[in-house]
C-alpha atoms as a PDB file:
ATOM      1  CA  MET A   1      -8.940  16.665  23.595  1.00  0.00           C
ATOM      2  CA  ASP A   2      -7.801  20.008  25.025  1.00  0.00           C
ATOM      3  CA  ILE A   3      -4.655  21.600  23.674  1.00  0.00           C
ATOM      4  CA  ASP A   4      -2.277  23.640  25.801  1.00  0.00           C
ATOM      5  CA  PRO A   5      -2.288  27.121  24.181  1.00  0.00           C
ATOM      6  CA  ARG A   6       1.310  27.740  25.240  1.00  0.00           C
ATOM      7  CA  ASN A   7       2.850  25.086  23.013  1.00  0.00           C
ATOM      8  CA  ASP A   8       0.014  23.316  21.129  1.00  0.00           C
ATOM      9  CA  VAL A   9       0.896  19.947  22.674  1.00  0.00           C
ATOM     10  CA  PRO A  10      -2.062  17.755  23.648  1.00  0.00           C
ATOM     11  CA  PRO A  11      -2.135  17.074  27.415  1.00  0.00           C
ATOM     12  CA  GLU A  12      -2.065  13.295  26.795  1.00  0.00           C
ATOM     13  CA  LEU A  13       1.359  13.654  25.162  1.00  0.00           C
ATOM     14  CA  VAL A  14       2.580  15.871  28.014  1.00  0.00           C
ATOM     15  CA  GLU A  15       1.546  13.181  30.534  1.00  0.00           C
ATOM     16  CA  GLN A  16       3.173  10.426  28.465  1.00  0.00           C
ATOM     17  CA  ARG A  17       6.354  12.503  28.225  1.00  0.00           C
ATOM     18  CA  LYS A  18       6.394  13.057  32.012  1.00  0.00           C
ATOM     19  CA  ARG A  19       6.033   9.306  32.615  1.00  0.00           C
ATOM     20  CA  GLY A  20       8.763   8.617  30.050  1.00  0.00           C
ATOM     21  CA  VAL A  21       6.385   6.614  27.887  1.00  0.00           C
ATOM     22  CA  ILE A  22       5.566   7.887  24.415  1.00  0.00           C
ATOM     23  CA  GLU A  23       3.120   5.711  22.528  1.00  0.00           C
ATOM     24  CA  PRO A  24       3.942   5.076  18.859  1.00  0.00           C
ATOM     25  CA  ASN A  25       1.748   6.732  16.281  1.00  0.00           C
ATOM     26  CA  MET A  26      -0.079   3.892  14.550  1.00  0.00           C
ATOM     27  CA  ASP A  27      -1.945   6.041  12.019  1.00  0.00           C
ATOM     28  CA  GLU A  28      -2.143   4.875   8.445  1.00  0.00           C
ATOM     29  CA  LEU A  29       0.305   6.654   6.164  1.00  0.00           C
ATOM     30  CA  GLU A  30       0.043   8.222   2.740  1.00  0.00           C
ATOM     31  CA  SER A  31       3.030   8.501   0.387  1.00  0.00           C
ATOM     32  CA  ILE A  32       3.765  11.961  -0.992  1.00  0.00           C
ATOM     33  CA  ASN A  33       6.326  12.703  -3.718  1.00  0.00           C
ATOM     34  CA  LEU A  34       8.147  15.977  -3.023  1.00  0.00           C
ATOM     35  CA  GLY A  35      10.358  15.563  -6.086  1.00  0.00           C
ATOM     36  CA  THR A  36       9.677  14.839  -9.730  1.00  0.00           C
ATOM     37  CA  ASN A  37       8.735  11.657 -11.578  1.00  0.00           C
ATOM     38  CA  GLU A  38      12.359  11.324 -12.765  1.00  0.00           C
ATOM     39  CA  LEU A  39      13.842  12.072  -9.321  1.00  0.00           C
ATOM     40  CA  PRO A  40      11.256  11.023  -6.715  1.00  0.00           C
ATOM     41  CA  LYS A  41      11.603  12.134  -3.109  1.00  0.00           C
ATOM     42  CA  ILE A  42       9.000  10.093  -1.258  1.00  0.00           C
ATOM     43  CA  ILE A  43       7.844  10.886   2.277  1.00  0.00           C
ATOM     44  CA  LYS A  44       4.992   9.426   4.300  1.00  0.00           C
ATOM     45  CA  ILE A  45       2.486  11.494   6.238  1.00  0.00           C
ATOM     46  CA  GLY A  46      -0.510  10.493   8.350  1.00  0.00           C
ATOM     47  CA  ILE A  47      -3.880  10.299   6.638  1.00  0.00           C
ATOM     48  CA  THR A  48      -5.603  11.768   9.692  1.00  0.00           C
ATOM     49  CA  LEU A  49      -4.346  15.276   8.917  1.00  0.00           C
ATOM     50  CA  SER A  50      -6.936  17.796   7.855  1.00  0.00           C
ATOM     51  CA  PRO A  51      -6.609  19.082   4.263  1.00  0.00           C
ATOM     52  CA  LEU A  52      -5.315  22.430   5.552  1.00  0.00           C
ATOM     53  CA  GLU A  53      -2.715  20.759   7.808  1.00  0.00           C
ATOM     54  CA  LYS A  54      -1.666  18.471   4.959  1.00  0.00           C
ATOM     55  CA  GLU A  55      -1.270  21.407   2.573  1.00  0.00           C
ATOM     56  CA  LYS A  56       0.741  23.406   5.137  1.00  0.00           C
ATOM     57  CA  LEU A  57       2.984  20.437   5.936  1.00  0.00           C
ATOM     58  CA  ILE A  58       3.709  19.680   2.276  1.00  0.00           C
ATOM     59  CA  SER A  59       4.489  23.335   1.510  1.00  0.00           C
ATOM     60  CA  LEU A  60       6.803  23.484   4.554  1.00  0.00           C
ATOM     61  CA  LEU A  61       8.623  20.318   3.475  1.00  0.00           C
ATOM     62  CA  LYS A  62       8.962  21.565  -0.126  1.00  0.00           C
ATOM     63  CA  ALA A  63      10.309  24.912   1.097  1.00  0.00           C
ATOM     64  CA  ASN A  64      12.960  23.111   3.188  1.00  0.00           C
ATOM     65  CA  ILE A  65      13.673  20.190   0.865  1.00  0.00           C
ATOM     66  CA  THR A  66      17.434  20.881   0.910  1.00  0.00           C
ATOM     67  CA  ALA A  67      17.510  20.176   4.670  1.00  0.00           C
ATOM     68  CA  PHE A  68      16.930  16.459   4.040  1.00  0.00           C
ATOM     69  CA  ALA A  69      19.442  13.890   2.797  1.00  0.00           C
ATOM     70  CA  TRP A  70      17.822  11.729   0.120  1.00  0.00           C
ATOM     71  CA  SER A  71      20.975   9.717  -0.638  1.00  0.00           C
ATOM     72  CA  TYR A  72      24.517   9.285   0.639  1.00  0.00           C
ATOM     73  CA  GLU A  73      25.696  11.772  -1.987  1.00  0.00           C
ATOM     74  CA  ASP A  74      23.618  14.445  -0.215  1.00  0.00           C
ATOM     75  CA  MET A  75      25.544  13.908   3.033  1.00  0.00           C
ATOM     76  CA  LEU A  76      28.746  15.765   2.245  1.00  0.00           C
ATOM     77  CA  GLY A  77      31.481  15.346   4.801  1.00  0.00           C
ATOM     78  CA  ILE A  78      30.269  11.937   6.050  1.00  0.00           C
ATOM     79  CA  ASP A  79      33.042   9.347   6.111  1.00  0.00           C
ATOM     80  CA  PRO A  80      32.049   6.389   3.842  1.00  0.00           C
ATOM     81  CA  ASP A  81      33.384   3.986   6.501  1.00  0.00           C
ATOM     82  CA  ILE A  82      30.466   5.015   8.711  1.00  0.00           C
ATOM     83  CA  VAL A  83      27.733   4.269   6.160  1.00  0.00           C
ATOM     84  CA  GLN A  84      29.224   1.278   4.342  1.00  0.00           C
ATOM     85  CA  HIS A  85      28.820  -2.252   5.658  1.00  0.00           C
ATOM     86  CA  PHE A  86      32.051  -4.240   5.831  1.00  0.00           C
ATOM     87  CA  ILE A  87      32.695  -7.841   6.868  1.00  0.00           C
ATOM     88  CA  PRO A  88      36.366  -8.353   7.711  1.00  0.00           C
ATOM     89  CA  THR A  89      37.480 -11.562   6.014  1.00  0.00           C
ATOM     90  CA  ASN A  90      40.848 -12.997   5.141  1.00  0.00           C
ATOM     91  CA  PRO A  91      41.106 -13.187   1.338  1.00  0.00           C
ATOM     92  CA  LEU A  92      43.662 -16.014   1.673  1.00  0.00           C
ATOM     93  CA  LYS A  93      41.218 -18.323   3.461  1.00  0.00           C
ATOM     94  CA  LYS A  94      38.591 -20.459   1.752  1.00  0.00           C
ATOM     95  CA  PRO A  95      35.004 -19.763   2.952  1.00  0.00           C
ATOM     96  CA  VAL A  96      33.510 -22.539   5.068  1.00  0.00           C
ATOM     97  CA  LYS A  97      29.830 -23.453   4.863  1.00  0.00           C
ATOM     98  CA  GLN A  98      28.450 -24.056   8.333  1.00  0.00           C
ATOM     99  CA  LYS A  99      25.952 -26.807   9.009  1.00  0.00           C
ATOM    100  CA  LEU A 100      22.282 -25.875   9.241  1.00  0.00           C
ATOM    101  CA  ARG A 101      21.085 -25.159  12.753  1.00  0.00           C
ATOM    102  CA  ARG A 102      17.476 -26.089  13.401  1.00  0.00           C
ATOM    103  CA  LEU A 103      15.286 -24.373  15.973  1.00  0.00           C
ATOM    104  CA  LYS A 104      12.745 -25.953  18.223  1.00  0.00           C
ATOM    105  CA  LEU A 105       9.267 -25.576  16.777  1.00  0.00           C
ATOM    106  CA  GLU A 106       8.218 -23.495  19.803  1.00  0.00           C
ATOM    107  CA  TRP A 107      10.996 -20.990  19.090  1.00  0.00           C
ATOM    108  CA  ALA A 108      10.393 -20.651  15.370  1.00  0.00           C
END
């Protein structure tokens, strides 16, 4: 696999990008904790990385750990209405249980 020296992007990805089709990366993943045991910050990286690439990636992520939001509390300025699920119901009405709807066996 040749790599374009101008931008280090494999030519297969350049062709996929031109066609508008980017194939998903189906590599197996490895969990890495960037935080502590008390406050874990888990990320997943591909196991196909070389040890040097893995080490560089982890050091880069640790150096920029404040750039990531690990919880809603880390996203200052975000309106809670955007991130909270809400089902509008009338508190004066009694909930009604709907009858069970069965699917055809072919659809299930």
